[in-house]
Structure formats: C-alpha cells, structure tokens
Protein backbone atom coordinates (compact mmCIF):
# COMPACT_ATOMS: atom_id res chain seq x y z
CA UNK A 1 0.00 0.00 0.00
CA UNK A 2 2.83 2.38 0.85
CA UNK A 3 4.45 1.66 -2.51
CA UNK A 4 1.23 2.57 -4.32
CA UNK A 5 1.05 5.89 -2.48
CA UNK A 6 4.71 6.64 -3.22
CA UNK A 7 4.41 5.86 -6.91
CA UNK A 8 1.18 7.79 -7.38
CA UNK A 9 2.55 10.90 -5.66
CA UNK A 10 5.87 10.69 -7.50
CA UNK A 11 4.02 10.22 -10.78
CA UNK A 12 1.88 13.25 -10.00
CA UNK A 13 4.98 15.35 -9.34
CA UNK A 14 6.70 14.15 -12.52
CA UNK A 15 3.63 14.85 -14.64
CA UNK A 16 3.31 18.29 -13.04
CA UNK A 17 -0.14 17.67 -11.56
CA UNK A 18 0.97 19.65 -8.51
CA UNK A 19 2.28 22.59 -10.56
CA UNK A 20 -0.35 25.12 -9.48
CA UNK A 21 -0.27 24.49 -5.72
CA UNK A 22 1.45 26.75 -3.27
CA UNK A 23 4.72 25.94 -1.53
CA UNK A 24 3.14 24.75 1.71
CA UNK A 25 1.14 22.09 -0.11
CA UNK A 26 4.16 21.02 -2.16
CA UNK A 27 6.27 20.73 1.00
CA UNK A 28 3.52 18.67 2.65
CA UNK A 29 3.56 16.22 -0.25
CA UNK A 30 7.35 15.90 -0.11
CA UNK A 31 7.25 15.52 3.68
CA UNK A 32 4.66 12.76 3.32
CA UNK A 33 6.76 10.91 0.77
CA UNK A 34 9.82 11.16 3.01
CA UNK A 35 7.80 9.95 6.01
CA UNK A 36 6.59 6.90 4.10
CA UNK A 37 10.12 6.07 2.92
CA UNK A 38 11.47 6.40 6.48
CA UNK A 39 8.70 4.21 7.87
CA UNK A 40 9.46 1.52 5.30
CA UNK A 41 13.13 1.66 6.32
CA UNK A 42 12.25 1.39 10.03
CA UNK A 43 10.01 -1.62 9.43
CA UNK A 44 12.66 -3.25 7.26
CA UNK A 45 15.31 -2.67 9.91
CA UNK A 46 13.04 -4.03 12.63
CA UNK A 47 12.60 -7.22 10.60
CA UNK A 48 16.38 -7.74 10.66
CA UNK A 49 16.37 -7.57 14.46
CA UNK A 50 13.95 -10.48 14.85
CA UNK A 51 16.69 -13.09 14.74
C-alpha cells in the first residue's frame, strides 16, 4: 500500500499535476513521501532484528 502511495505521488509530481499548488502544499507532499520512505526503512530494519 505504501508503494502505491509513493508511486502515485511521485508520478503526479513528474507529470506536473501539482504545478499550481502553493509551496506549503508542495512541502507537505514531499514531507509525506519522506515519512513513508522512512517508515518503510524502520520496518525493514526491525525485521532484521527479529533473529
């Protein structure tokens, strides 16, 4: 699910769907993408600690 959200937001940025929004909205989108990437990394790291 996180991958779908990442790809759809990245695709929207690449296709300039977010071109007309103000900076606060654009920063919120980027912050959300970074948060999802960090959460995936934390979960992946936690899985390595199970052993």
